[in-house]
C-alpha cells in the first residue's frame, strides 16, 4: 500500500543545538535505511515550514506505523497519513 505522509517538526525552540544536530543526523540515517528497504519512496520539503511530505510504501497501516515510530524525531512530529488507492485512469488499459 502507498501512503502520503505529512509531517511537521514540533521540536521545542529551546532544544540545545547539539541535541538538534544529533536528531537531524539520526533522521537522515534512518530515512536512508527506510529508502534502502523500499519503504520511503519520495520525500519533499514544504517551503517556509519545518515540514515534509513523503510517499511511503508499506504492507499495511501497522507496518507504516512501525516505520514512522522508528524515526528519532517521532515524538516531536505532527503526522497526517492518507492511504492512497490507484485511480482507474492510472490502471493499465485492458483488452477491448
N, C-alpha and C. Protein backbone atom coordinates (compact mmCIF):
# COMPACT_ATOMS: atom_id res chain seq x y z
N UNK A 1 0.84 -1.18 0.00
CA UNK A 1 0.00 0.00 0.00
C UNK A 1 0.88 1.24 0.00
N UNK A 2 0.40 2.27 -0.69
CA UNK A 2 1.11 3.54 -0.67
C UNK A 2 0.38 4.51 0.25
N UNK A 3 1.18 5.36 0.89
CA UNK A 3 0.67 6.34 1.85
C UNK A 3 1.33 7.69 1.61
N UNK A 4 0.54 8.74 1.65
CA UNK A 4 1.06 10.10 1.63
C UNK A 4 1.17 10.53 3.09
N UNK A 5 2.38 10.85 3.52
CA UNK A 5 2.62 11.18 4.93
C UNK A 5 3.12 12.61 5.04
N UNK A 6 2.38 13.42 5.76
CA UNK A 6 2.78 14.82 6.01
C UNK A 6 3.27 14.91 7.45
N UNK A 7 4.45 15.49 7.63
CA UNK A 7 4.98 15.65 8.97
C UNK A 7 5.40 17.09 9.19
N UNK A 8 5.21 17.55 10.41
CA UNK A 8 5.69 18.87 10.82
C UNK A 8 6.49 18.67 12.09
N UNK A 9 7.70 19.20 12.08
CA UNK A 9 8.61 19.07 13.22
C UNK A 9 8.22 20.09 14.29
N UNK A 10 7.89 19.60 15.48
CA UNK A 10 7.48 20.46 16.60
C UNK A 10 8.50 20.44 17.73
N UNK A 11 9.77 20.18 17.41
CA UNK A 11 10.82 20.17 18.42
C UNK A 11 10.84 21.53 19.12
N UNK A 12 10.82 21.56 20.45
CA UNK A 12 10.75 22.83 21.18
C UNK A 12 11.90 23.78 20.80
N UNK A 13 11.58 25.07 20.75
CA UNK A 13 12.54 26.10 20.35
C UNK A 13 13.79 26.11 21.22
N UNK A 14 13.68 25.78 22.49
CA UNK A 14 14.82 25.84 23.39
C UNK A 14 15.73 24.62 23.37
N UNK A 15 15.49 23.70 22.45
CA UNK A 15 16.30 22.48 22.37
C UNK A 15 17.74 22.86 22.01
N UNK A 16 18.72 22.39 22.78
CA UNK A 16 20.12 22.73 22.51
C UNK A 16 20.55 22.31 21.09
N UNK A 17 21.45 23.11 20.52
CA UNK A 17 21.92 22.86 19.15
C UNK A 17 22.52 21.47 18.97
N UNK A 18 23.28 21.00 19.97
CA UNK A 18 23.90 19.68 19.82
C UNK A 18 22.86 18.57 19.78
N UNK A 19 21.78 18.73 20.54
CA UNK A 19 20.69 17.75 20.52
C UNK A 19 19.98 17.79 19.17
N UNK A 20 19.73 19.01 18.67
CA UNK A 20 19.10 19.16 17.36
C UNK A 20 19.93 18.47 16.27
N UNK A 21 21.24 18.71 16.30
CA UNK A 21 22.12 18.12 15.29
C UNK A 21 22.14 16.59 15.40
N UNK A 22 22.16 16.08 16.60
CA UNK A 22 22.14 14.62 16.80
C UNK A 22 20.85 14.02 16.25
N UNK A 23 19.73 14.68 16.50
CA UNK A 23 18.44 14.21 15.99
C UNK A 23 18.39 14.28 14.46
N UNK A 24 18.88 15.38 13.88
CA UNK A 24 18.90 15.51 12.41
C UNK A 24 19.75 14.41 11.78
N UNK A 25 20.90 14.16 12.36
CA UNK A 25 21.78 13.11 11.85
C UNK A 25 21.09 11.75 11.93
N UNK A 26 20.44 11.49 13.06
CA UNK A 26 19.71 10.24 13.23
C UNK A 26 18.56 10.10 12.23
N UNK A 27 17.86 11.20 11.96
CA UNK A 27 16.77 11.19 10.98
C UNK A 27 17.30 10.84 9.59
N UNK A 28 18.41 11.48 9.20
CA UNK A 28 18.99 11.20 7.88
C UNK A 28 19.38 9.73 7.76
N UNK A 29 20.01 9.21 8.80
CA UNK A 29 20.44 7.80 8.78
C UNK A 29 19.25 6.86 8.69
N UNK A 30 18.22 7.13 9.49
CA UNK A 30 17.05 6.25 9.48
C UNK A 30 16.30 6.36 8.15
N UNK A 31 16.17 7.58 7.62
CA UNK A 31 15.50 7.76 6.33
C UNK A 31 16.25 7.01 5.23
N UNK A 32 17.57 7.01 5.28
CA UNK A 32 18.37 6.27 4.31
C UNK A 32 18.05 4.78 4.39
N UNK A 33 17.93 4.25 5.59
CA UNK A 33 17.60 2.82 5.77
C UNK A 33 16.20 2.52 5.25
N UNK A 34 15.25 3.42 5.52
CA UNK A 34 13.89 3.23 5.02
C UNK A 34 13.85 3.27 3.49
N UNK A 35 14.67 4.13 2.89
CA UNK A 35 14.77 4.17 1.43
C UNK A 35 15.33 2.86 0.89
N UNK A 36 16.40 2.39 1.53
CA UNK A 36 17.02 1.13 1.09
C UNK A 36 16.06 -0.04 1.20
N UNK A 37 15.17 0.01 2.19
CA UNK A 37 14.19 -1.06 2.39
C UNK A 37 12.97 -0.91 1.46
N UNK A 38 12.92 0.20 0.71
CA UNK A 38 11.80 0.42 -0.20
C UNK A 38 10.56 0.98 0.47
N UNK A 39 10.69 1.42 1.71
CA UNK A 39 9.54 1.96 2.44
C UNK A 39 9.35 3.44 2.12
N UNK A 40 10.42 4.22 2.16
CA UNK A 40 10.35 5.64 1.83
C UNK A 40 10.68 5.78 0.34
N UNK A 41 9.68 6.17 -0.44
CA UNK A 41 9.83 6.25 -1.89
C UNK A 41 10.27 7.63 -2.36
N UNK A 42 9.67 8.67 -1.82
CA UNK A 42 9.97 10.06 -2.20
C UNK A 42 9.80 10.93 -0.97
N UNK A 43 10.50 12.07 -0.97
CA UNK A 43 10.42 12.99 0.16
C UNK A 43 10.54 14.41 -0.37
N UNK A 44 9.61 15.26 0.03
CA UNK A 44 9.61 16.66 -0.37
C UNK A 44 9.65 17.55 0.87
N UNK A 45 10.30 18.67 0.76
CA UNK A 45 10.30 19.69 1.81
C UNK A 45 9.17 20.67 1.50
N UNK A 46 8.50 21.17 2.54
CA UNK A 46 7.46 22.17 2.37
C UNK A 46 8.12 23.54 2.58
N UNK A 47 8.21 24.36 1.53
CA UNK A 47 8.87 25.66 1.66
C UNK A 47 8.25 26.53 2.75
N UNK A 48 9.12 27.16 3.53
CA UNK A 48 8.66 28.08 4.56
C UNK A 48 8.22 27.44 5.86
N UNK A 49 8.29 26.11 5.94
CA UNK A 49 7.87 25.42 7.17
C UNK A 49 8.88 24.33 7.47
N UNK A 50 8.90 23.90 8.70
CA UNK A 50 9.75 22.78 9.09
C UNK A 50 8.92 21.51 8.93
N UNK A 51 8.59 21.22 7.66
CA UNK A 51 7.65 20.14 7.36
C UNK A 51 8.09 19.40 6.10
N UNK A 52 7.62 18.17 5.98
CA UNK A 52 7.89 17.35 4.80
C UNK A 52 6.63 16.63 4.36
N UNK A 53 6.65 16.20 3.11
CA UNK A 53 5.63 15.31 2.56
C UNK A 53 6.39 14.13 2.00
N UNK A 54 5.98 12.93 2.40
CA UNK A 54 6.66 11.73 1.94
C UNK A 54 5.70 10.74 1.32
N UNK A 55 6.21 10.02 0.33
CA UNK A 55 5.47 8.91 -0.25
C UNK A 55 6.10 7.64 0.31
N UNK A 56 5.33 6.90 1.07
CA UNK A 56 5.78 5.67 1.71
C UNK A 56 5.04 4.48 1.12
N UNK A 57 5.69 3.34 1.17
CA UNK A 57 5.04 2.09 0.77
C UNK A 57 5.26 1.09 1.89
N UNK A 58 4.16 0.52 2.37
CA UNK A 58 4.23 -0.46 3.45
C UNK A 58 3.16 -1.52 3.24
N UNK A 59 3.37 -2.66 3.84
CA UNK A 59 2.45 -3.78 3.70
C UNK A 59 1.04 -3.41 4.16
N UNK A 60 0.96 -2.65 5.24
CA UNK A 60 -0.33 -2.26 5.81
C UNK A 60 -0.10 -1.07 6.74
N UNK A 61 -1.18 -0.48 7.28
CA UNK A 61 -1.02 0.67 8.17
C UNK A 61 -0.14 0.38 9.40
N UNK A 62 -0.21 -0.83 9.92
CA UNK A 62 0.62 -1.17 11.09
C UNK A 62 2.11 -1.12 10.73
N UNK A 63 2.47 -1.60 9.54
CA UNK A 63 3.87 -1.57 9.11
C UNK A 63 4.33 -0.13 8.89
N UNK A 64 3.44 0.71 8.36
CA UNK A 64 3.78 2.13 8.20
C UNK A 64 4.00 2.76 9.58
N UNK A 65 3.11 2.46 10.51
CA UNK A 65 3.25 2.99 11.87
C UNK A 65 4.61 2.60 12.46
N UNK A 66 5.00 1.36 12.28
CA UNK A 66 6.30 0.90 12.79
C UNK A 66 7.44 1.70 12.15
N UNK A 67 7.35 1.95 10.85
CA UNK A 67 8.40 2.72 10.17
C UNK A 67 8.46 4.14 10.70
N UNK A 68 7.31 4.78 10.84
CA UNK A 68 7.29 6.16 11.31
C UNK A 68 7.76 6.29 12.75
N UNK A 69 7.37 5.36 13.60
CA UNK A 69 7.78 5.45 15.00
C UNK A 69 9.25 5.09 15.18
N UNK A 70 9.89 4.57 14.14
CA UNK A 70 11.33 4.29 14.23
C UNK A 70 12.17 5.53 13.98
N UNK A 71 11.54 6.61 13.55
CA UNK A 71 12.28 7.85 13.31
C UNK A 71 12.66 8.50 14.64
N UNK A 72 13.90 8.96 14.78
CA UNK A 72 14.34 9.58 16.03
C UNK A 72 13.49 10.78 16.46
N UNK A 73 12.94 11.52 15.49
CA UNK A 73 12.13 12.71 15.80
C UNK A 73 10.66 12.39 16.07
N UNK A 74 10.31 11.11 16.05
CA UNK A 74 8.90 10.70 16.12
C UNK A 74 8.09 11.45 17.16
N UNK A 75 8.59 11.55 18.38
CA UNK A 75 7.76 12.13 19.44
C UNK A 75 7.56 13.63 19.29
N UNK A 76 8.29 14.27 18.36
CA UNK A 76 8.12 15.70 18.11
C UNK A 76 7.50 15.98 16.76
N UNK A 77 6.93 14.97 16.13
CA UNK A 77 6.32 15.15 14.82
C UNK A 77 4.80 15.18 14.91
N UNK A 78 4.22 16.12 14.20
CA UNK A 78 2.77 16.12 13.97
C UNK A 78 2.61 15.41 12.63
N UNK A 79 1.92 14.27 12.62
CA UNK A 79 1.86 13.41 11.43
C UNK A 79 0.42 13.27 10.94
N UNK A 80 0.26 13.39 9.63
CA UNK A 80 -1.01 13.12 8.97
C UNK A 80 -0.75 12.09 7.88
N UNK A 81 -1.55 11.04 7.85
CA UNK A 81 -1.37 9.95 6.89
C UNK A 81 -2.63 9.80 6.04
N UNK A 82 -2.42 9.67 4.74
CA UNK A 82 -3.52 9.37 3.82
C UNK A 82 -3.16 8.11 3.05
N UNK A 83 -4.00 7.08 3.16
CA UNK A 83 -3.80 5.88 2.34
C UNK A 83 -4.18 6.22 0.91
N UNK A 84 -3.41 5.73 -0.03
CA UNK A 84 -3.64 6.04 -1.44
C UNK A 84 -4.12 4.80 -2.19
N UNK A 85 -5.07 5.01 -3.07
CA UNK A 85 -5.58 3.94 -3.93
C UNK A 85 -5.37 4.37 -5.38
N UNK A 86 -5.04 3.43 -6.22
CA UNK A 86 -4.80 3.71 -7.63
C UNK A 86 -6.07 4.21 -8.29
N UNK A 87 -5.95 5.31 -9.01
CA UNK A 87 -7.08 5.87 -9.75
C UNK A 87 -7.32 5.01 -10.99
N UNK A 88 -8.59 4.82 -11.38
CA UNK A 88 -8.88 4.00 -12.56
C UNK A 88 -8.14 4.45 -13.83
N UNK A 89 -7.89 5.75 -13.98
CA UNK A 89 -7.18 6.24 -15.17
C UNK A 89 -5.70 5.87 -15.14
N UNK A 90 -5.18 5.47 -13.99
CA UNK A 90 -3.77 5.09 -13.87
C UNK A 90 -3.55 3.60 -14.12
N UNK A 91 -4.62 2.85 -14.17
CA UNK A 91 -4.50 1.40 -14.40
C UNK A 91 -4.14 1.12 -15.86
N UNK A 92 -3.49 0.00 -16.06
CA UNK A 92 -3.14 -0.42 -17.42
C UNK A 92 -4.43 -0.63 -18.20
N UNK A 93 -4.47 -0.17 -19.44
CA UNK A 93 -5.68 -0.40 -20.24
C UNK A 93 -5.86 -1.89 -20.51
N UNK A 94 -7.08 -2.34 -20.35
CA UNK A 94 -7.38 -3.74 -20.60
C UNK A 94 -7.79 -3.96 -22.05
N UNK A 95 -7.96 -5.22 -22.43
CA UNK A 95 -8.39 -5.51 -23.81
C UNK A 95 -9.82 -5.02 -24.03
N UNK A 96 -10.08 -4.59 -25.23
CA UNK A 96 -11.41 -4.06 -25.57
C UNK A 96 -12.24 -5.08 -26.27
